[in-house]
Amino acid sequence: MIRERFNSFRYAFKGIADLFRNTPNARIHLFMAIAVSICGWVFRISITEWCLCVLCIALVLMAEALNSALEYLTDLVSPDYHELAGKTKDVAAGGVLLISMGAAIVGLIIFLPKGWRIFLNFIQ
């Protein structure tokens, strides 16, 4: 049983490595997650704001992982072009876009007022 649990974690980490190795958009999301983390540290955001940022980062990365998994599966079952395979990939990519836009809005709500205050203090 312990060996099975260990293997399940090993396979999960293998999947994460594959995600970042083979998915350019996942690397972009990871870069943005690092940038948000640096901004959170610089702006000294609250615990609640950190929780929202971490949740958004996790949701975006999870959506990208599920999108990639669905693309792999679609390519496996439909190696030739099929309209429904294309729609499947488009809808999954749309899901990533939707959660990414939501995360960006959360980021603006958290960071824009803090940046604005710094800007106003700078010009005075």
C-alpha atoms as a PDB file:
ATOM      1  CA  MET A   1       0.000   0.000   0.000  1.00  0.00           C
ATOM      2  CA  ILE A   2       2.788   2.459   0.852  1.00  0.00           C
ATOM      3  CA  ARG A   3       4.549   1.583  -2.384  1.00  0.00           C
ATOM      4  CA  GLU A   4       1.336   2.267  -4.344  1.00  0.00           C
ATOM      5  CA  ARG A   5       1.014   5.698  -2.701  1.00  0.00           C
ATOM      6  CA  PHE A   6       4.656   6.451  -3.438  1.00  0.00           C
ATOM      7  CA  ASN A   7       4.170   5.450  -7.081  1.00  0.00           C
ATOM      8  CA  SER A   8       1.040   7.594  -7.412  1.00  0.00           C
ATOM      9  CA  PHE A   9       3.025  10.645  -6.255  1.00  0.00           C
ATOM     10  CA  ARG A  10       5.885   9.711  -8.567  1.00  0.00           C
ATOM     11  CA  TYR A  11       3.518   9.525 -11.550  1.00  0.00           C
ATOM     12  CA  ALA A  12       1.920  12.835 -10.583  1.00  0.00           C
ATOM     13  CA  PHE A  13       5.309  14.578 -10.440  1.00  0.00           C
ATOM     14  CA  LYS A  14       6.191  12.969 -13.774  1.00  0.00           C
ATOM     15  CA  GLY A  15       3.004  14.485 -15.214  1.00  0.00           C
ATOM     16  CA  ILE A  16       3.845  17.914 -13.810  1.00  0.00           C
ATOM     17  CA  ALA A  17       7.331  17.718 -15.325  1.00  0.00           C
ATOM     18  CA  ASP A  18       5.808  16.729 -18.671  1.00  0.00           C
ATOM     19  CA  LEU A  19       3.384  19.644 -18.444  1.00  0.00           C
ATOM     20  CA  PHE A  20       6.128  22.246 -18.043  1.00  0.00           C
ATOM     21  CA  ARG A  21       8.511  20.536 -20.446  1.00  0.00           C
ATOM     22  CA  ASN A  22       6.032  20.191 -23.326  1.00  0.00           C
ATOM     23  CA  THR A  23       3.450  22.944 -22.867  1.00  0.00           C
ATOM     24  CA  PRO A  24       4.635  26.486 -23.625  1.00  0.00           C
ATOM     25  CA  ASN A  25       1.503  28.032 -22.099  1.00  0.00           C
ATOM     26  CA  ALA A  26       2.162  26.198 -18.824  1.00  0.00           C
ATOM     27  CA  ARG A  27       5.604  27.811 -18.708  1.00  0.00           C
ATOM     28  CA  ILE A  28       3.983  31.213 -19.281  1.00  0.00           C
ATOM     29  CA  HIS A  29       1.545  30.536 -16.427  1.00  0.00           C
ATOM     30  CA  LEU A  30       4.438  29.446 -14.201  1.00  0.00           C
ATOM     31  CA  PHE A  31       6.348  32.639 -15.026  1.00  0.00           C
ATOM     32  CA  MET A  32       3.256  34.683 -14.160  1.00  0.00           C
ATOM     33  CA  ALA A  33       2.851  32.746 -10.892  1.00  0.00           C
ATOM     34  CA  ILE A  34       6.425  33.638  -9.962  1.00  0.00           C
ATOM     35  CA  ALA A  35       5.816  37.284 -10.910  1.00  0.00           C
ATOM     36  CA  VAL A  36       2.648  37.387  -8.786  1.00  0.00           C
ATOM     37  CA  SER A  37       4.536  35.841  -5.879  1.00  0.00           C
ATOM     38  CA  ILE A  38       7.290  38.453  -6.135  1.00  0.00           C
ATOM     39  CA  CYS A  39       4.695  41.241  -6.314  1.00  0.00           C
ATOM     40  CA  GLY A  40       2.910  39.770  -3.299  1.00  0.00           C
ATOM     41  CA  TRP A  41       6.132  39.855  -1.332  1.00  0.00           C
ATOM     42  CA  VAL A  42       7.041  43.392  -2.499  1.00  0.00           C
ATOM     43  CA  PHE A  43       3.556  44.790  -1.794  1.00  0.00           C
ATOM     44  CA  ARG A  44       3.258  42.818   1.467  1.00  0.00           C
ATOM     45  CA  ILE A  45      -0.212  41.560   0.667  1.00  0.00           C
ATOM     46  CA  SER A  46      -2.453  40.231   3.426  1.00  0.00           C
ATOM     47  CA  ILE A  47      -2.973  36.571   4.300  1.00  0.00           C
ATOM     48  CA  THR A  48      -6.384  36.670   2.599  1.00  0.00           C
ATOM     49  CA  GLU A  49      -4.854  38.178  -0.542  1.00  0.00           C
ATOM     50  CA  TRP A  50      -2.134  35.500  -0.494  1.00  0.00           C
ATOM     51  CA  CYS A  51      -4.800  32.811  -0.234  1.00  0.00           C
ATOM     52  CA  LEU A  52      -6.642  34.265  -3.226  1.00  0.00           C
ATOM     53  CA  CYS A  53      -3.429  34.489  -5.264  1.00  0.00           C
ATOM     54  CA  VAL A  54      -2.391  30.917  -4.406  1.00  0.00           C
ATOM     55  CA  LEU A  55      -5.876  29.638  -5.223  1.00  0.00           C
ATOM     56  CA  CYS A  56      -5.878  31.445  -8.581  1.00  0.00           C
ATOM     57  CA  ILE A  57      -2.392  30.159  -9.425  1.00  0.00           C
ATOM     58  CA  ALA A  58      -3.396  26.594  -8.543  1.00  0.00           C
ATOM     59  CA  LEU A  59      -6.616  26.819 -10.560  1.00  0.00           C
ATOM     60  CA  VAL A  60      -4.884  28.188 -13.657  1.00  0.00           C
ATOM     61  CA  LEU A  61      -2.137  25.545 -13.525  1.00  0.00           C
ATOM     62  CA  MET A  62      -4.712  22.809 -12.916  1.00  0.00           C
ATOM     63  CA  ALA A  63      -6.795  24.019 -15.864  1.00  0.00           C
ATOM     64  CA  GLU A  64      -3.694  24.002 -18.077  1.00  0.00           C
ATOM     65  CA  ALA A  65      -2.849  20.469 -16.918  1.00  0.00           C
ATOM     66  CA  LEU A  66      -6.380  19.220 -17.624  1.00  0.00           C
ATOM     67  CA  ASN A  67      -6.343  20.947 -21.004  1.00  0.00           C
ATOM     68  CA  SER A  68      -3.048  19.242 -21.891  1.00  0.00           C
ATOM     69  CA  ALA A  69      -4.346  15.868 -20.717  1.00  0.00           C
ATOM     70  CA  LEU A  70      -7.470  16.305 -22.829  1.00  0.00           C
ATOM     71  CA  GLU A  71      -5.341  17.246 -25.847  1.00  0.00           C
ATOM     72  CA  TYR A  72      -3.195  14.128 -25.380  1.00  0.00           C
ATOM     73  CA  LEU A  73      -6.284  11.952 -25.112  1.00  0.00           C
ATOM     74  CA  THR A  74      -7.946  13.602 -28.107  1.00  0.00           C
ATOM     75  CA  ASP A  75      -4.809  13.057 -30.211  1.00  0.00           C
ATOM     76  CA  LEU A  76      -4.770   9.410 -29.146  1.00  0.00           C
ATOM     77  CA  VAL A  77      -8.372   8.625 -30.064  1.00  0.00           C
ATOM     78  CA  SER A  78      -8.530  10.899 -33.105  1.00  0.00           C
ATOM     79  CA  PRO A  79      -5.096  11.115 -34.755  1.00  0.00           C
ATOM     80  CA  ASP A  80      -6.666  12.412 -37.986  1.00  0.00           C
ATOM     81  CA  TYR A  81      -8.558  15.678 -38.131  1.00  0.00           C
ATOM     82  CA  HIS A  82     -12.112  15.484 -36.890  1.00  0.00           C
ATOM     83  CA  GLU A  83     -14.379  18.453 -36.276  1.00  0.00           C
ATOM     84  CA  LEU A  84     -15.430  17.192 -32.836  1.00  0.00           C
ATOM     85  CA  ALA A  85     -11.798  16.639 -31.820  1.00  0.00           C
ATOM     86  CA  GLY A  86     -11.100  20.246 -32.765  1.00  0.00           C
ATOM     87  CA  LYS A  87     -14.105  21.457 -30.798  1.00  0.00           C
ATOM     88  CA  THR A  88     -12.981  19.421 -27.785  1.00  0.00           C
ATOM     89  CA  LYS A  89      -9.576  21.073 -27.839  1.00  0.00           C
ATOM     90  CA  ASP A  90     -11.077  24.537 -28.393  1.00  0.00           C
ATOM     91  CA  VAL A  91     -13.499  24.234 -25.476  1.00  0.00           C
ATOM     92  CA  ALA A  92     -10.743  22.976 -23.157  1.00  0.00           C
ATOM     93  CA  ALA A  93      -8.492  25.863 -24.195  1.00  0.00           C
ATOM     94  CA  GLY A  94     -11.427  28.216 -23.626  1.00  0.00           C
ATOM     95  CA  GLY A  95     -11.703  26.906 -20.077  1.00  0.00           C
ATOM     96  CA  VAL A  96      -8.062  27.794 -19.446  1.00  0.00           C
ATOM     97  CA  LEU A  97      -8.668  31.251 -20.893  1.00  0.00           C
ATOM     98  CA  LEU A  98     -11.713  31.805 -18.675  1.00  0.00           C
ATOM     99  CA  ILE A  99      -9.934  30.891 -15.444  1.00  0.00           C
ATOM    100  CA  SER A 100      -6.868  32.892 -16.518  1.00  0.00           C
ATOM    101  CA  MET A 101      -9.030  35.976 -17.105  1.00  0.00           C
ATOM    102  CA  GLY A 102     -10.646  35.489 -13.699  1.00  0.00           C
ATOM    103  CA  ALA A 103      -7.216  35.181 -12.079  1.00  0.00           C
ATOM    104  CA  ALA A 104      -6.045  38.326 -13.871  1.00  0.00           C
ATOM    105  CA  ILE A 105      -9.077  40.229 -12.543  1.00  0.00           C
ATOM    106  CA  VAL A 106      -8.328  39.021  -9.006  1.00  0.00           C
ATOM    107  CA  GLY A 107      -4.730  40.182  -9.505  1.00  0.00           C
ATOM    108  CA  LEU A 108      -5.872  43.606 -10.673  1.00  0.00           C
ATOM    109  CA  ILE A 109      -8.221  43.941  -7.703  1.00  0.00           C
ATOM    110  CA  ILE A 110      -5.386  43.098  -5.307  1.00  0.00           C
ATOM    111  CA  PHE A 111      -2.409  44.825  -6.905  1.00  0.00           C
ATOM    112  CA  LEU A 112      -3.787  47.826  -8.809  1.00  0.00           C
ATOM    113  CA  PRO A 113      -4.742  49.889  -5.724  1.00  0.00           C
ATOM    114  CA  LYS A 114      -1.370  49.140  -4.101  1.00  0.00           C
ATOM    115  CA  GLY A 115       0.520  50.118  -7.243  1.00  0.00           C
ATOM    116  CA  TRP A 116      -1.624  53.226  -7.641  1.00  0.00           C
ATOM    117  CA  ARG A 117      -0.788  54.344  -4.079  1.00  0.00           C
ATOM    118  CA  ILE A 118       2.917  53.897  -4.734  1.00  0.00           C
ATOM    119  CA  PHE A 119       2.596  55.845  -7.987  1.00  0.00           C
ATOM    120  CA  LEU A 120       0.755  58.696  -6.264  1.00  0.00           C
ATOM    121  CA  ASN A 121       3.366  58.834  -3.487  1.00  0.00           C
ATOM    122  CA  PHE A 122       6.119  58.863  -6.117  1.00  0.00           C
ATOM    123  CA  ILE A 123       4.731  61.848  -8.056  1.00  0.00           C
ATOM    124  CA  GLN A 124       4.084  63.958  -4.960  1.00  0.00           C
END
